[in-house]
N, C-alpha and C. Protein backbone atom coordinates (compact mmCIF):
# COMPACT_ATOMS: atom_id res chain seq x y z
N MET A 1 41.63 45.46 279.68
CA MET A 1 41.29 44.57 278.59
C MET A 1 42.26 44.81 277.42
N LYS A 2 42.72 43.76 276.85
CA LYS A 2 43.59 43.81 275.69
C LYS A 2 42.84 44.47 274.52
N THR A 3 43.53 45.30 273.75
CA THR A 3 42.90 45.95 272.61
C THR A 3 42.62 44.94 271.51
N LYS A 4 41.42 45.05 270.94
CA LYS A 4 41.01 44.15 269.86
C LYS A 4 40.53 45.00 268.69
N LEU A 5 41.02 44.73 267.50
CA LEU A 5 40.60 45.41 266.27
C LEU A 5 39.90 44.39 265.39
N THR A 6 38.64 44.66 265.04
CA THR A 6 37.86 43.76 264.20
C THR A 6 37.61 44.42 262.85
N VAL A 7 37.96 43.72 261.77
CA VAL A 7 37.67 44.18 260.42
C VAL A 7 36.29 43.66 260.05
N ASN A 8 35.33 44.57 259.96
CA ASN A 8 33.95 44.18 259.67
C ASN A 8 33.74 44.00 258.17
N ASN A 9 32.91 43.02 257.81
CA ASN A 9 32.52 42.87 256.41
C ASN A 9 31.82 44.14 255.93
N ASN A 10 32.20 44.61 254.76
CA ASN A 10 31.52 45.75 254.13
C ASN A 10 31.39 46.96 255.05
N GLY A 11 32.39 47.18 255.90
CA GLY A 11 32.25 48.31 256.82
C GLY A 11 33.52 48.71 257.53
N SER A 12 33.33 49.14 258.74
CA SER A 12 34.35 49.81 259.54
C SER A 12 35.34 48.87 260.21
N LEU A 13 36.30 49.50 260.87
CA LEU A 13 37.21 48.80 261.77
C LEU A 13 36.71 49.09 263.18
N LYS A 14 36.37 48.06 263.93
CA LYS A 14 35.87 48.21 265.30
C LYS A 14 37.04 48.02 266.26
N ILE A 15 37.24 49.01 267.14
CA ILE A 15 38.32 48.95 268.13
C ILE A 15 37.69 48.84 269.50
N GLU A 16 38.14 47.85 270.28
CA GLU A 16 37.62 47.63 271.63
C GLU A 16 38.78 47.51 272.61
N GLY A 17 38.56 47.95 273.83
CA GLY A 17 39.55 47.79 274.88
C GLY A 17 40.12 49.13 275.33
N GLU A 18 41.36 49.10 275.78
CA GLU A 18 42.06 50.32 276.19
C GLU A 18 42.91 50.79 275.03
N PHE A 19 42.65 52.00 274.55
CA PHE A 19 43.39 52.53 273.40
C PHE A 19 43.26 54.04 273.38
N THR A 20 44.12 54.68 272.63
CA THR A 20 44.00 56.09 272.31
C THR A 20 44.07 56.22 270.80
N ILE A 21 43.47 57.27 270.27
CA ILE A 21 43.56 57.59 268.85
C ILE A 21 44.11 58.99 268.75
N VAL A 22 45.16 59.16 267.95
CA VAL A 22 45.81 60.45 267.82
C VAL A 22 45.85 60.89 266.36
N ASP A 23 45.94 62.20 266.15
CA ASP A 23 46.10 62.74 264.80
C ASP A 23 47.59 62.72 264.44
N PRO A 24 47.97 63.13 263.21
CA PRO A 24 49.38 63.07 262.80
C PRO A 24 50.33 63.89 263.68
N GLN A 25 49.81 64.89 264.38
CA GLN A 25 50.64 65.69 265.27
C GLN A 25 50.73 65.12 266.68
N GLY A 26 50.04 64.00 266.92
CA GLY A 26 50.07 63.36 268.23
C GLY A 26 48.98 63.85 269.18
N ASN A 27 48.08 64.72 268.69
CA ASN A 27 46.97 65.20 269.52
C ASN A 27 45.93 64.10 269.66
N GLU A 28 45.51 63.88 270.89
CA GLU A 28 44.58 62.79 271.18
C GLU A 28 43.13 63.21 270.97
N TYR A 29 42.36 62.35 270.29
CA TYR A 29 40.92 62.56 270.17
C TYR A 29 40.29 62.30 271.53
N ASN A 30 39.33 63.13 271.94
CA ASN A 30 38.62 62.92 273.20
C ASN A 30 37.48 61.95 272.93
N LEU A 31 37.64 60.73 273.36
CA LEU A 31 36.66 59.67 273.09
C LEU A 31 35.56 59.63 274.15
N GLN A 32 35.59 60.56 275.09
CA GLN A 32 34.54 60.67 276.10
C GLN A 32 34.33 59.37 276.88
N GLY A 33 35.43 58.65 277.13
CA GLY A 33 35.36 57.43 277.93
C GLY A 33 34.93 56.18 277.18
N ARG A 34 34.75 56.29 275.86
CA ARG A 34 34.33 55.11 275.10
C ARG A 34 35.42 54.04 275.10
N GLU A 35 35.00 52.80 275.20
CA GLU A 35 35.91 51.66 275.11
C GLU A 35 35.69 50.88 273.82
N VAL A 36 34.74 51.34 273.00
CA VAL A 36 34.46 50.76 271.69
C VAL A 36 34.18 51.91 270.72
N VAL A 37 34.90 51.94 269.61
CA VAL A 37 34.62 52.90 268.53
C VAL A 37 34.77 52.18 267.21
N SER A 38 34.17 52.76 266.17
CA SER A 38 34.33 52.24 264.82
C SER A 38 35.00 53.30 263.98
N VAL A 39 36.03 52.89 263.24
CA VAL A 39 36.81 53.80 262.42
C VAL A 39 36.46 53.55 260.95
N CYS A 40 36.24 54.65 260.22
CA CYS A 40 35.89 54.58 258.80
C CYS A 40 37.04 54.00 258.00
N ARG A 41 36.72 53.15 257.03
CA ARG A 41 37.74 52.71 256.08
C ARG A 41 37.27 52.83 254.64
N CYS A 42 36.06 53.39 254.44
CA CYS A 42 35.55 53.58 253.08
C CYS A 42 35.80 54.99 252.56
N GLY A 43 36.04 55.94 253.46
CA GLY A 43 36.28 57.32 253.08
C GLY A 43 35.03 58.16 252.89
N LEU A 44 33.85 57.60 253.14
CA LEU A 44 32.61 58.33 252.91
C LEU A 44 32.04 59.01 254.16
N SER A 45 32.55 58.69 255.33
CA SER A 45 32.00 59.23 256.58
C SER A 45 32.16 60.75 256.64
N GLN A 46 31.15 61.41 257.16
CA GLN A 46 31.22 62.85 257.42
C GLN A 46 31.84 63.11 258.79
N ASN A 47 32.17 62.05 259.50
CA ASN A 47 32.70 62.14 260.86
C ASN A 47 34.07 61.46 260.95
N LYS A 48 34.86 61.53 259.85
CA LYS A 48 36.17 60.88 259.83
C LYS A 48 37.04 61.38 260.97
N PRO A 49 37.79 60.54 261.62
CA PRO A 49 38.13 59.19 261.22
C PRO A 49 37.11 58.14 261.68
N PHE A 50 36.02 58.59 262.28
CA PHE A 50 35.05 57.65 262.82
C PHE A 50 33.96 57.32 261.81
N CYS A 51 33.42 56.13 261.92
CA CYS A 51 32.38 55.64 261.01
C CYS A 51 31.03 56.25 261.38
N ASP A 52 30.27 56.67 260.35
CA ASP A 52 28.91 57.15 260.58
C ASP A 52 27.88 56.32 259.80
N GLY A 53 28.32 55.19 259.22
CA GLY A 53 27.41 54.31 258.50
C GLY A 53 27.23 54.65 257.03
N SER A 54 27.94 55.67 256.53
CA SER A 54 27.81 56.08 255.12
C SER A 54 28.22 54.99 254.14
N HIS A 55 28.96 54.00 254.59
CA HIS A 55 29.45 52.93 253.71
C HIS A 55 28.34 52.01 253.23
N LYS A 56 27.23 51.98 253.92
CA LYS A 56 26.17 51.02 253.59
C LYS A 56 25.76 51.12 252.12
N GLY A 57 25.95 50.03 251.39
CA GLY A 57 25.61 49.96 249.99
C GLY A 57 26.65 50.56 249.05
N HIS A 58 27.77 51.06 249.61
CA HIS A 58 28.78 51.72 248.79
C HIS A 58 30.18 51.14 248.99
N PHE A 59 30.31 50.11 249.77
CA PHE A 59 31.64 49.59 250.11
C PHE A 59 31.53 48.08 250.26
N GLU A 60 32.33 47.36 249.51
CA GLU A 60 32.29 45.90 249.59
C GLU A 60 33.65 45.34 249.93
N HIS A 61 33.70 44.57 250.98
CA HIS A 61 34.92 43.86 251.36
C HIS A 61 34.52 42.73 252.29
N ASN A 62 34.79 41.50 251.88
CA ASN A 62 34.53 40.34 252.71
C ASN A 62 35.77 40.08 253.55
N ALA A 63 35.69 40.38 254.83
CA ALA A 63 36.84 40.28 255.72
C ALA A 63 37.10 38.82 256.10
N VAL A 64 38.21 38.28 255.63
CA VAL A 64 38.61 36.92 255.95
C VAL A 64 40.08 36.97 256.34
N ALA A 65 40.40 36.48 257.52
CA ALA A 65 41.78 36.51 258.01
C ALA A 65 42.70 35.65 257.15
N PHE A 66 43.94 36.10 257.02
CA PHE A 66 44.95 35.33 256.27
C PHE A 66 46.31 35.64 256.86
N ASP A 67 47.29 34.82 256.50
CA ASP A 67 48.66 35.03 256.98
C ASP A 67 49.37 36.02 256.05
N LEU A 68 50.03 37.00 256.62
CA LEU A 68 50.87 37.90 255.83
C LEU A 68 52.10 37.14 255.37
N PRO A 69 52.70 37.58 254.28
CA PRO A 69 53.97 36.94 253.87
C PRO A 69 55.04 37.27 254.91
N PRO A 70 56.15 36.51 254.93
CA PRO A 70 57.21 36.78 255.89
C PRO A 70 57.71 38.23 255.75
N ARG A 71 58.14 38.80 256.88
CA ARG A 71 58.70 40.14 256.88
C ARG A 71 59.97 40.18 256.05
N LYS A 72 60.13 41.28 255.33
CA LYS A 72 61.37 41.47 254.57
C LYS A 72 62.47 41.90 255.52
N VAL A 73 63.65 41.38 255.30
CA VAL A 73 64.78 41.70 256.20
C VAL A 73 65.74 42.63 255.52
């Protein structure tokens, strides 16, 4: 399955499909076979980089897709 990243309203980034998550040194997180995880983007999770729901009531962002400006050359 193609990897899909969903930006949730007022919350996490949901990743689905085949993917790996690594730390800055390239060490892979053991996802225990999960094909869906949520990654924290509010900074409040006690389980970073993964979401634990701590954002509820503390993080506001209405996710609406838009076009990025052209790449700089």
